[in-house]
């Protein structure tokens, strides 16, 4: 089964393959470091987004929408 992190790792590994053609070892190492840093950044963004989404869902479950809708309806429908 594929997970997001494993896919990112596979893409990073595949991105490093063409770098073997770079003859200057310092440049190659720098480019590989950029690929690794980018992969870690993507994984961090994914984890952060996932956590924020979970928190939004939990907060949305706690909120009482009927009260807000009743207040809004009272503004548009005059009391009899």
C-alpha atoms as a PDB file:
ATOM      1  CA  UNK A   1       0.000   0.000   0.000  1.00  0.00           C
ATOM      2  CA  UNK A   2       1.264   3.418  -0.901  1.00  0.00           C
ATOM      3  CA  UNK A   3       1.486   6.191   1.630  1.00  0.00           C
ATOM      4  CA  UNK A   4       2.187   9.816   0.901  1.00  0.00           C
ATOM      5  CA  UNK A   5       5.597   9.753   2.569  1.00  0.00           C
ATOM      6  CA  UNK A   6       6.730   6.675   0.658  1.00  0.00           C
ATOM      7  CA  UNK A   7       5.687   8.268  -2.634  1.00  0.00           C
ATOM      8  CA  UNK A   8       7.620  11.430  -1.782  1.00  0.00           C
ATOM      9  CA  UNK A   9      10.652   9.316  -0.910  1.00  0.00           C
ATOM     10  CA  UNK A  10      10.400   7.444  -4.220  1.00  0.00           C
ATOM     11  CA  UNK A  11      10.133  10.695  -6.178  1.00  0.00           C
ATOM     12  CA  UNK A  12      13.130  12.123  -4.315  1.00  0.00           C
ATOM     13  CA  UNK A  13      15.130   8.983  -5.033  1.00  0.00           C
ATOM     14  CA  UNK A  14      14.166   9.123  -8.706  1.00  0.00           C
ATOM     15  CA  UNK A  15      15.100  12.809  -8.834  1.00  0.00           C
ATOM     16  CA  UNK A  16      18.575  11.970  -7.587  1.00  0.00           C
ATOM     17  CA  UNK A  17      19.235   9.416 -10.358  1.00  0.00           C
ATOM     18  CA  UNK A  18      20.113  11.965 -13.058  1.00  0.00           C
ATOM     19  CA  UNK A  19      22.419  13.719 -10.604  1.00  0.00           C
ATOM     20  CA  UNK A  20      24.845  10.815 -10.898  1.00  0.00           C
ATOM     21  CA  UNK A  21      25.824  12.337 -14.236  1.00  0.00           C
ATOM     22  CA  UNK A  22      27.113  15.483 -12.519  1.00  0.00           C
ATOM     23  CA  UNK A  23      30.872  15.069 -12.364  1.00  0.00           C
ATOM     24  CA  UNK A  24      31.643  17.707  -9.722  1.00  0.00           C
ATOM     25  CA  UNK A  25      31.071  15.902  -6.423  1.00  0.00           C
ATOM     26  CA  UNK A  26      30.467  19.095  -4.433  1.00  0.00           C
ATOM     27  CA  UNK A  27      27.808  20.273  -6.869  1.00  0.00           C
ATOM     28  CA  UNK A  28      26.198  16.814  -6.924  1.00  0.00           C
ATOM     29  CA  UNK A  29      26.102  16.697  -3.111  1.00  0.00           C
ATOM     30  CA  UNK A  30      24.574  20.170  -3.002  1.00  0.00           C
ATOM     31  CA  UNK A  31      21.878  19.238  -5.496  1.00  0.00           C
ATOM     32  CA  UNK A  32      21.103  16.042  -3.598  1.00  0.00           C
ATOM     33  CA  UNK A  33      20.818  18.083  -0.418  1.00  0.00           C
ATOM     34  CA  UNK A  34      18.324  20.368  -2.149  1.00  0.00           C
ATOM     35  CA  UNK A  35      16.262  17.363  -3.268  1.00  0.00           C
ATOM     36  CA  UNK A  36      16.319  15.916   0.272  1.00  0.00           C
ATOM     37  CA  UNK A  37      15.376  19.259   1.826  1.00  0.00           C
ATOM     38  CA  UNK A  38      12.517  19.670  -0.633  1.00  0.00           C
ATOM     39  CA  UNK A  39      11.218  16.181   0.161  1.00  0.00           C
ATOM     40  CA  UNK A  40      11.312  16.895   3.902  1.00  0.00           C
ATOM     41  CA  UNK A  41       9.546  20.211   3.314  1.00  0.00           C
ATOM     42  CA  UNK A  42       6.769  18.508   1.351  1.00  0.00           C
ATOM     43  CA  UNK A  43       6.328  15.878   4.081  1.00  0.00           C
ATOM     44  CA  UNK A  44       6.203  18.582   6.763  1.00  0.00           C
ATOM     45  CA  UNK A  45       3.604  20.570   4.823  1.00  0.00           C
ATOM     46  CA  UNK A  46       1.534  17.401   4.403  1.00  0.00           C
ATOM     47  CA  UNK A  47       1.673  16.574   8.111  1.00  0.00           C
ATOM     48  CA  UNK A  48       0.826  20.157   9.084  1.00  0.00           C
ATOM     49  CA  UNK A  49      -2.105  20.302   6.676  1.00  0.00           C
ATOM     50  CA  UNK A  50      -3.386  16.977   7.951  1.00  0.00           C
ATOM     51  CA  UNK A  51      -3.198  18.121  11.567  1.00  0.00           C
ATOM     52  CA  UNK A  52      -4.909  21.439  10.796  1.00  0.00           C
ATOM     53  CA  UNK A  53      -7.667  19.624   8.927  1.00  0.00           C
ATOM     54  CA  UNK A  54      -8.247  17.310  11.883  1.00  0.00           C
ATOM     55  CA  UNK A  55      -8.488  20.280  14.228  1.00  0.00           C
ATOM     56  CA  UNK A  56     -10.941  22.090  11.947  1.00  0.00           C
ATOM     57  CA  UNK A  57     -13.154  19.006  11.785  1.00  0.00           C
ATOM     58  CA  UNK A  58     -13.105  18.628  15.576  1.00  0.00           C
ATOM     59  CA  UNK A  59     -13.957  22.298  16.104  1.00  0.00           C
ATOM     60  CA  UNK A  60     -16.718  22.116  13.511  1.00  0.00           C
ATOM     61  CA  UNK A  61     -18.262  19.181  15.395  1.00  0.00           C
ATOM     62  CA  UNK A  62     -18.333  21.231  18.593  1.00  0.00           C
ATOM     63  CA  UNK A  63     -19.972  24.317  17.070  1.00  0.00           C
ATOM     64  CA  UNK A  64     -23.742  24.720  17.355  1.00  0.00           C
ATOM     65  CA  UNK A  65     -24.883  25.880  13.937  1.00  0.00           C
ATOM     66  CA  UNK A  66     -28.582  25.975  14.880  1.00  0.00           C
ATOM     67  CA  UNK A  67     -28.047  28.986  17.151  1.00  0.00           C
ATOM     68  CA  UNK A  68     -26.286  30.960  14.423  1.00  0.00           C
ATOM     69  CA  UNK A  69     -28.912  30.024  11.849  1.00  0.00           C
ATOM     70  CA  UNK A  70     -31.730  31.009  14.212  1.00  0.00           C
ATOM     71  CA  UNK A  71     -30.105  34.413  14.830  1.00  0.00           C
ATOM     72  CA  UNK A  72     -29.620  34.926  11.107  1.00  0.00           C
ATOM     73  CA  UNK A  73     -33.186  33.912  10.320  1.00  0.00           C
ATOM     74  CA  UNK A  74     -34.492  36.322  12.963  1.00  0.00           C
ATOM     75  CA  UNK A  75     -32.797  39.192  11.154  1.00  0.00           C
ATOM     76  CA  UNK A  76     -34.582  38.415   7.882  1.00  0.00           C
ATOM     77  CA  UNK A  77     -37.951  37.214   9.153  1.00  0.00           C
ATOM     78  CA  UNK A  78     -39.791  39.778  11.300  1.00  0.00           C
ATOM     79  CA  UNK A  79     -41.274  38.471  14.543  1.00  0.00           C
ATOM     80  CA  UNK A  80     -45.079  38.141  14.536  1.00  0.00           C
END
